[in-house]
Amino acid sequence: MDARATALPELPATDSYLLRFTSLYNPGRGIAVPCDEAGLVDIDSLTQGLRTAYFFARTMIGREYSLPCVQHLH
């Protein structure tokens, strides 16, 4: 067995962001969807279930969810 380690190719750094809607009544609960750094969501890339949850959270801002915030994932 060859014990030499092989170097992996350098992968380009990609930034990932989530648009997070936090529940007003249940701490630690909420809905998060992928977005860009400006908070724009690519609706077409979401699954049907996540798309439905995203639209629901948007309509329930101030009633069930807080205003969304963009979270940067490292």
PDB file of N, CA and C in Angstrom:
ATOM      1  N   MET A   1       0.847  -1.171   0.000  1.00  0.00           N
ATOM      2  CA  MET A   1       0.000   0.000   0.000  1.00  0.00           C
ATOM      3  C   MET A   1       0.897   1.240   0.000  1.00  0.00           C
ATOM      4  N   ASP A   2       0.595   2.205  -0.834  1.00  0.00           N
ATOM      5  CA  ASP A   2       1.362   3.439  -0.942  1.00  0.00           C
ATOM      6  C   ASP A   2       0.831   4.433   0.085  1.00  0.00           C
ATOM      7  N   ALA A   3       1.696   4.886   0.995  1.00  0.00           N
ATOM      8  CA  ALA A   3       1.272   5.768   2.076  1.00  0.00           C
ATOM      9  C   ALA A   3       1.400   7.244   1.720  1.00  0.00           C
ATOM     10  N   ARG A   4       1.834   7.543   0.506  1.00  0.00           N
ATOM     11  CA  ARG A   4       1.972   8.955   0.116  1.00  0.00           C
ATOM     12  C   ARG A   4       0.598   9.587  -0.048  1.00  0.00           C
ATOM     13  N   ALA A   5       0.479  10.802   0.436  1.00  0.00           N
ATOM     14  CA  ALA A   5      -0.781  11.535   0.296  1.00  0.00           C
ATOM     15  C   ALA A   5      -0.774  12.268  -1.037  1.00  0.00           C
ATOM     16  N   THR A   6      -1.889  12.253  -1.693  1.00  0.00           N
ATOM     17  CA  THR A   6      -2.005  12.994  -2.950  1.00  0.00           C
ATOM     18  C   THR A   6      -2.754  14.285  -2.684  1.00  0.00           C
ATOM     19  N   ALA A   7      -2.300  15.353  -3.307  1.00  0.00           N
ATOM     20  CA  ALA A   7      -2.937  16.656  -3.120  1.00  0.00           C
ATOM     21  C   ALA A   7      -4.215  16.725  -3.944  1.00  0.00           C
ATOM     22  N   LEU A   8      -5.243  17.232  -3.330  1.00  0.00           N
ATOM     23  CA  LEU A   8      -6.503  17.437  -4.044  1.00  0.00           C
ATOM     24  C   LEU A   8      -6.423  18.751  -4.800  1.00  0.00           C
ATOM     25  N   PRO A   9      -7.067  18.843  -5.947  1.00  0.00           N
ATOM     26  CA  PRO A   9      -7.045  20.104  -6.683  1.00  0.00           C
ATOM     27  C   PRO A   9      -7.729  21.211  -5.892  1.00  0.00           C
ATOM     28  N   GLU A  10      -7.239  22.420  -6.058  1.00  0.00           N
ATOM     29  CA  GLU A  10      -7.819  23.576  -5.375  1.00  0.00           C
ATOM     30  C   GLU A  10      -9.207  23.840  -5.943  1.00  0.00           C
ATOM     31  N   LEU A  11     -10.204  23.845  -5.092  1.00  0.00           N
ATOM     32  CA  LEU A  11     -11.573  24.117  -5.519  1.00  0.00           C
ATOM     33  C   LEU A  11     -11.863  25.591  -5.324  1.00  0.00           C
ATOM     34  N   PRO A  12     -12.614  26.191  -6.239  1.00  0.00           N
ATOM     35  CA  PRO A  12     -12.939  27.600  -6.055  1.00  0.00           C
ATOM     36  C   PRO A  12     -13.819  27.792  -4.826  1.00  0.00           C
ATOM     37  N   ALA A  13     -13.562  28.859  -4.095  1.00  0.00           N
ATOM     38  CA  ALA A  13     -14.368  29.154  -2.912  1.00  0.00           C
ATOM     39  C   ALA A  13     -15.749  29.613  -3.354  1.00  0.00           C
ATOM     40  N   THR A  14     -16.752  29.047  -2.764  1.00  0.00           N
ATOM     41  CA  THR A  14     -18.114  29.468  -3.070  1.00  0.00           C
ATOM     42  C   THR A  14     -18.759  29.955  -1.789  1.00  0.00           C
ATOM     43  N   ASP A  15     -19.422  31.068  -1.873  1.00  0.00           N
ATOM     44  CA  ASP A  15     -20.125  31.606  -0.724  1.00  0.00           C
ATOM     45  C   ASP A  15     -21.544  31.084  -0.754  1.00  0.00           C
ATOM     46  N   SER A  16     -22.006  30.673   0.382  1.00  0.00           N
ATOM     47  CA  SER A  16     -23.375  30.196   0.504  1.00  0.00           C
ATOM     48  C   SER A  16     -24.111  31.073   1.496  1.00  0.00           C
ATOM     49  N   TYR A  17     -25.345  31.363   1.170  1.00  0.00           N
ATOM     50  CA  TYR A  17     -26.173  32.209   2.010  1.00  0.00           C
ATOM     51  C   TYR A  17     -27.544  31.574   2.189  1.00  0.00           C
ATOM     52  N   LEU A  18     -28.157  31.867   3.327  1.00  0.00           N
ATOM     53  CA  LEU A  18     -29.526  31.444   3.601  1.00  0.00           C
ATOM     54  C   LEU A  18     -30.347  32.667   3.964  1.00  0.00           C
ATOM     55  N   LEU A  19     -31.574  32.696   3.480  1.00  0.00           N
ATOM     56  CA  LEU A  19     -32.536  33.691   3.903  1.00  0.00           C
ATOM     57  C   LEU A  19     -33.343  33.031   5.010  1.00  0.00           C
ATOM     58  N   ARG A  20     -33.197  33.538   6.240  1.00  0.00           N
ATOM     59  CA  ARG A  20     -33.772  32.881   7.403  1.00  0.00           C
ATOM     60  C   ARG A  20     -34.939  33.680   7.971  1.00  0.00           C
ATOM     61  N   PHE A  21     -36.091  33.000   8.071  1.00  0.00           N
ATOM     62  CA  PHE A  21     -37.287  33.544   8.712  1.00  0.00           C
ATOM     63  C   PHE A  21     -37.384  32.875  10.078  1.00  0.00           C
ATOM     64  N   THR A  22     -37.269  33.635  11.154  1.00  0.00           N
ATOM     65  CA  THR A  22     -37.298  33.090  12.506  1.00  0.00           C
ATOM     66  C   THR A  22     -38.713  33.187  13.065  1.00  0.00           C
ATOM     67  N   SER A  23     -39.146  32.120  13.727  1.00  0.00           N
ATOM     68  CA  SER A  23     -40.474  32.102  14.345  1.00  0.00           C
ATOM     69  C   SER A  23     -40.543  33.130  15.467  1.00  0.00           C
ATOM     70  N   LEU A  24     -41.631  33.855  15.535  1.00  0.00           N
ATOM     71  CA  LEU A  24     -41.837  34.827  16.601  1.00  0.00           C
ATOM     72  C   LEU A  24     -42.231  34.152  17.912  1.00  0.00           C
ATOM     73  N   TYR A  25     -42.759  32.929  17.838  1.00  0.00           N
ATOM     74  CA  TYR A  25     -43.335  32.282  19.014  1.00  0.00           C
ATOM     75  C   TYR A  25     -42.604  31.021  19.466  1.00  0.00           C
ATOM     76  N   ASN A  26     -41.827  30.422  18.591  1.00  0.00           N
ATOM     77  CA  ASN A  26     -41.115  29.191  18.925  1.00  0.00           C
ATOM     78  C   ASN A  26     -39.624  29.400  18.722  1.00  0.00           C
ATOM     79  N   PRO A  27     -38.894  29.772  19.780  1.00  0.00           N
ATOM     80  CA  PRO A  27     -37.454  30.016  19.651  1.00  0.00           C
ATOM     81  C   PRO A  27     -36.739  28.820  19.037  1.00  0.00           C
ATOM     82  N   GLY A  28     -35.828  29.101  18.130  1.00  0.00           N
ATOM     83  CA  GLY A  28     -35.077  28.040  17.477  1.00  0.00           C
ATOM     84  C   GLY A  28     -35.767  27.438  16.269  1.00  0.00           C
ATOM     85  N   ARG A  29     -36.973  27.878  15.969  1.00  0.00           N
ATOM     86  CA  ARG A  29     -37.709  27.338  14.826  1.00  0.00           C
ATOM     87  C   ARG A  29     -37.805  28.406  13.753  1.00  0.00           C
ATOM     88  N   GLY A  30     -37.975  27.984  12.546  1.00  0.00           N
ATOM     89  CA  GLY A  30     -38.120  28.922  11.448  1.00  0.00           C
ATOM     90  C   GLY A  30     -37.946  28.225  10.115  1.00  0.00           C
ATOM     91  N   ILE A  31     -37.800  29.018   9.088  1.00  0.00           N
ATOM     92  CA  ILE A  31     -37.635  28.511   7.724  1.00  0.00           C
ATOM     93  C   ILE A  31     -36.413  29.189   7.132  1.00  0.00           C
ATOM     94  N   ALA A  32     -35.578  28.417   6.451  1.00  0.00           N
ATOM     95  CA  ALA A  32     -34.395  28.966   5.801  1.00  0.00           C
ATOM     96  C   ALA A  32     -34.332  28.440   4.373  1.00  0.00           C
ATOM     97  N   VAL A  33     -34.075  29.345   3.432  1.00  0.00           N
ATOM     98  CA  VAL A  33     -33.975  28.976   2.023  1.00  0.00           C
ATOM     99  C   VAL A  33     -32.672  29.531   1.457  1.00  0.00           C
ATOM    100  N   PRO A  34     -32.078  28.835   0.487  1.00  0.00           N
ATOM    101  CA  PRO A  34     -30.847  29.334  -0.128  1.00  0.00           C
ATOM    102  C   PRO A  34     -31.114  30.647  -0.870  1.00  0.00           C
ATOM    103  N   CYS A  35     -30.134  31.551  -0.816  1.00  0.00           N
ATOM    104  CA  CYS A  35     -30.265  32.831  -1.494  1.00  0.00           C
ATOM    105  C   CYS A  35     -28.874  33.331  -1.868  1.00  0.00           C
ATOM    106  N   ASP A  36     -28.820  34.489  -2.529  1.00  0.00           N
ATOM    107  CA  ASP A  36     -27.531  35.114  -2.789  1.00  0.00           C
ATOM    108  C   ASP A  36     -27.235  36.093  -1.665  1.00  0.00           C
ATOM    109  N   GLU A  37     -26.092  36.788  -1.755  1.00  0.00           N
ATOM    110  CA  GLU A  37     -25.706  37.658  -0.647  1.00  0.00           C
ATOM    111  C   GLU A  37     -26.637  38.854  -0.457  1.00  0.00           C
ATOM    112  N   ALA A  38     -27.443  39.162  -1.469  1.00  0.00           N
ATOM    113  CA  ALA A  38     -28.420  40.249  -1.357  1.00  0.00           C
ATOM    114  C   ALA A  38     -29.760  39.759  -0.819  1.00  0.00           C
ATOM    115  N   GLY A  39     -29.896  38.448  -0.598  1.00  0.00           N
ATOM    116  CA  GLY A  39     -31.141  37.891  -0.088  1.00  0.00           C
ATOM    117  C   GLY A  39     -32.123  37.491  -1.169  1.00  0.00           C
ATOM    118  N   LEU A  40     -31.671  37.473  -2.424  1.00  0.00           N
ATOM    119  CA  LEU A  40     -32.561  37.088  -3.524  1.00  0.00           C
ATOM    120  C   LEU A  40     -32.602  35.573  -3.647  1.00  0.00           C
ATOM    121  N   VAL A  41     -33.798  35.041  -3.733  1.00  0.00           N
ATOM    122  CA  VAL A  41     -34.020  33.593  -3.800  1.00  0.00           C
ATOM    123  C   VAL A  41     -34.328  33.193  -5.233  1.00  0.00           C
ATOM    124  N   ASP A  42     -33.669  32.140  -5.719  1.00  0.00           N
ATOM    125  CA  ASP A  42     -33.959  31.583  -7.035  1.00  0.00           C
ATOM    126  C   ASP A  42     -35.105  30.576  -6.855  1.00  0.00           C
ATOM    127  N   ILE A  43     -36.314  31.048  -7.070  1.00  0.00           N
ATOM    128  CA  ILE A  43     -37.522  30.234  -6.845  1.00  0.00           C
ATOM    129  C   ILE A  43     -37.466  28.922  -7.623  1.00  0.00           C
ATOM    130  N   ASP A  44     -36.978  28.970  -8.857  1.00  0.00           N
ATOM    131  CA  ASP A  44     -36.961  27.783  -9.708  1.00  0.00           C
ATOM    132  C   ASP A  44     -36.040  26.688  -9.190  1.00  0.00           C
ATOM    133  N   SER A  45     -35.060  27.032  -8.355  1.00  0.00           N
ATOM    134  CA  SER A  45     -34.125  26.026  -7.854  1.00  0.00           C
ATOM    135  C   SER A  45     -34.638  25.333  -6.591  1.00  0.00           C
ATOM    136  N   LEU A  46     -35.717  25.843  -5.998  1.00  0.00           N
ATOM    137  CA  LEU A  46     -36.254  25.252  -4.771  1.00  0.00           C
ATOM    138  C   LEU A  46     -37.116  24.034  -5.067  1.00  0.00           C
ATOM    139  N   THR A  47     -37.143  23.107  -4.121  1.00  0.00           N
ATOM    140  CA  THR A  47     -38.075  21.980  -4.238  1.00  0.00           C
ATOM    141  C   THR A  47     -39.487  22.514  -4.011  1.00  0.00           C
ATOM    142  N   GLN A  48     -40.472  21.764  -4.396  1.00  0.00           N
ATOM    143  CA  GLN A  48     -41.854  22.205  -4.218  1.00  0.00           C
ATOM    144  C   GLN A  48     -42.167  22.469  -2.757  1.00  0.00           C
ATOM    145  N   GLY A  49     -41.718  21.593  -1.862  1.00  0.00           N
ATOM    146  CA  GLY A  49     -41.983  21.775  -0.439  1.00  0.00           C
ATOM    147  C   GLY A  49     -41.321  23.024   0.126  1.00  0.00           C
ATOM    148  N   LEU A  50     -40.073  23.269  -0.252  1.00  0.00           N
ATOM    149  CA  LEU A  50     -39.364  24.448   0.227  1.00  0.00           C
ATOM    150  C   LEU A  50     -39.948  25.722  -0.373  1.00  0.00           C
ATOM    151  N   ARG A  51     -40.382  25.635  -1.626  1.00  0.00           N
ATOM    152  CA  ARG A  51     -41.028  26.790  -2.277  1.00  0.00           C
ATOM    153  C   ARG A  51     -42.316  27.156  -1.541  1.00  0.00           C
ATOM    154  N   THR A  52     -43.104  26.157  -1.183  1.00  0.00           N
ATOM    155  CA  THR A  52     -44.345  26.391  -0.456  1.00  0.00           C
ATOM    156  C   THR A  52     -44.059  27.007   0.913  1.00  0.00           C
ATOM    157  N   ALA A  53     -43.054  26.479   1.615  1.00  0.00           N
ATOM    158  CA  ALA A  53     -42.689  27.016   2.925  1.00  0.00           C
ATOM    159  C   ALA A  53     -42.192  28.454   2.810  1.00  0.00           C
ATOM    160  N   TYR A  54     -41.424  28.752   1.767  1.00  0.00           N
ATOM    161  CA  TYR A  54     -40.903  30.101   1.548  1.00  0.00           C
ATOM    162  C   TYR A  54     -42.044  31.093   1.320  1.00  0.00           C
ATOM    163  N   PHE A  55     -42.986  30.737   0.454  1.00  0.00           N
ATOM    164  CA  PHE A  55     -44.121  31.623   0.205  1.00  0.00           C
ATOM    165  C   PHE A  55     -44.975  31.807   1.459  1.00  0.00           C
ATOM    166  N   PHE A  56     -45.143  30.729   2.225  1.00  0.00           N
ATOM    167  CA  PHE A  56     -45.905  30.826   3.471  1.00  0.00           C
ATOM    168  C   PHE A  56     -45.211  31.769   4.453  1.00  0.00           C
ATOM    169  N   ALA A  57     -43.907  31.609   4.617  1.00  0.00           N
ATOM    170  CA  ALA A  57     -43.160  32.464   5.545  1.00  0.00           C
ATOM    171  C   ALA A  57     -43.247  33.924   5.117  1.00  0.00           C
ATOM    172  N   ARG A  58     -43.169  34.186   3.834  1.00  0.00           N
ATOM    173  CA  ARG A  58     -43.264  35.570   3.357  1.00  0.00           C
ATOM    174  C   ARG A  58     -44.611  36.187   3.695  1.00  0.00           C
ATOM    175  N   THR A  59     -45.677  35.412   3.576  1.00  0.00           N
ATOM    176  CA  THR A  59     -47.001  35.957   3.856  1.00  0.00           C
ATOM    177  C   THR A  59     -47.268  36.096   5.357  1.00  0.00           C
ATOM    178  N   MET A  60     -46.496  35.389   6.175  1.00  0.00           N
ATOM    179  CA  MET A  60     -46.723  35.393   7.622  1.00  0.00           C
ATOM    180  C   MET A  60     -45.730  36.269   8.388  1.00  0.00           C
ATOM    181  N   ILE A  61     -44.986  37.125   7.687  1.00  0.00           N
ATOM    182  CA  ILE A  61     -44.068  38.052   8.357  1.00  0.00           C
ATOM    183  C   ILE A  61     -44.889  38.977   9.256  1.00  0.00           C
ATOM    184  N   GLY A  62     -44.469  39.070  10.499  1.00  0.00           N
ATOM    185  CA  GLY A  62     -45.162  39.909  11.468  1.00  0.00           C
ATOM    186  C   GLY A  62     -46.264  39.192  12.218  1.00  0.00           C
ATOM    187  N   ARG A  63     -46.696  38.045  11.702  1.00  0.00           N
ATOM    188  CA  ARG A  63     -47.736  37.264  12.375  1.00  0.00           C
ATOM    189  C   ARG A  63     -47.161  35.989  12.974  1.00  0.00           C
ATOM    190  N   GLU A  64     -46.340  35.306  12.218  1.00  0.00           N
ATOM    191  CA  GLU A  64     -45.712  34.061  12.674  1.00  0.00           C
ATOM    192  C   GLU A  64     -44.188  34.144  12.606  1.00  0.00           C
ATOM    193  N   TYR A  65     -43.674  34.904  11.627  1.00  0.00           N
ATOM    194  CA  TYR A  65     -42.226  34.985  11.419  1.00  0.00           C
ATOM    195  C   TYR A  65     -41.743  36.429  11.455  1.00  0.00           C
ATOM    196  N   SER A  66     -40.477  36.594  11.860  1.00  0.00           N
ATOM    197  CA  SER A  66     -39.848  37.914  11.843  1.00  0.00           C
ATOM    198  C   SER A  66     -39.434  38.246  10.408  1.00  0.00           C
ATOM    199  N   LEU A  67     -39.024  39.487  10.208  1.00  0.00           N
ATOM    200  CA  LEU A  67     -38.444  39.847   8.918  1.00  0.00           C
ATOM    201  C   LEU A  67     -37.252  38.941   8.666  1.00  0.00           C
ATOM    202  N   PRO A  68     -37.052  38.496   7.443  1.00  0.00           N
ATOM    203  CA  PRO A  68     -35.944  37.576   7.182  1.00  0.00           C
ATOM    204  C   PRO A  68     -34.592  38.289   7.254  1.00  0.00           C
ATOM    205  N   CYS A  69     -33.575  37.527   7.558  1.00  0.00           N
ATOM    206  CA  CYS A  69     -32.204  38.040   7.538  1.00  0.00           C
ATOM    207  C   CYS A  69     -31.357  37.098   6.701  1.00  0.00           C
ATOM    208  N   VAL A  70     -30.320  37.646   6.088  1.00  0.00           N
ATOM    209  CA  VAL A  70     -29.397  36.848   5.280  1.00  0.00           C
ATOM    210  C   VAL A  70     -28.296  36.334   6.189  1.00  0.00           C
ATOM    211  N   GLN A  71     -28.069  35.020   6.157  1.00  0.00           N
ATOM    212  CA  GLN A  71     -27.044  34.407   6.964  1.00  0.00           C
ATOM    213  C   GLN A  71     -25.969  33.836   6.049  1.00  0.00           C
ATOM    214  N   HIS A  72     -24.727  34.204   6.298  1.00  0.00           N
ATOM    215  CA  HIS A  72     -23.607  33.699   5.514  1.00  0.00           C
ATOM    216  C   HIS A  72     -23.117  32.389   6.117  1.00  0.00           C
ATOM    217  N   LEU A  73     -23.024  31.364   5.313  1.00  0.00           N
ATOM    218  CA  LEU A  73     -22.512  30.063   5.750  1.00  0.00           C
ATOM    219  C   LEU A  73     -21.056  29.966   5.338  1.00  0.00           C
ATOM    220  N   HIS A  74     -20.231  29.523   6.211  1.00  0.00           N
ATOM    221  CA  HIS A  74     -18.788  29.446   5.928  1.00  0.00           C
ATOM    222  C   HIS A  74     -18.441  28.118   5.333  1.00  0.00           C
TER     223      HIS A  74
END
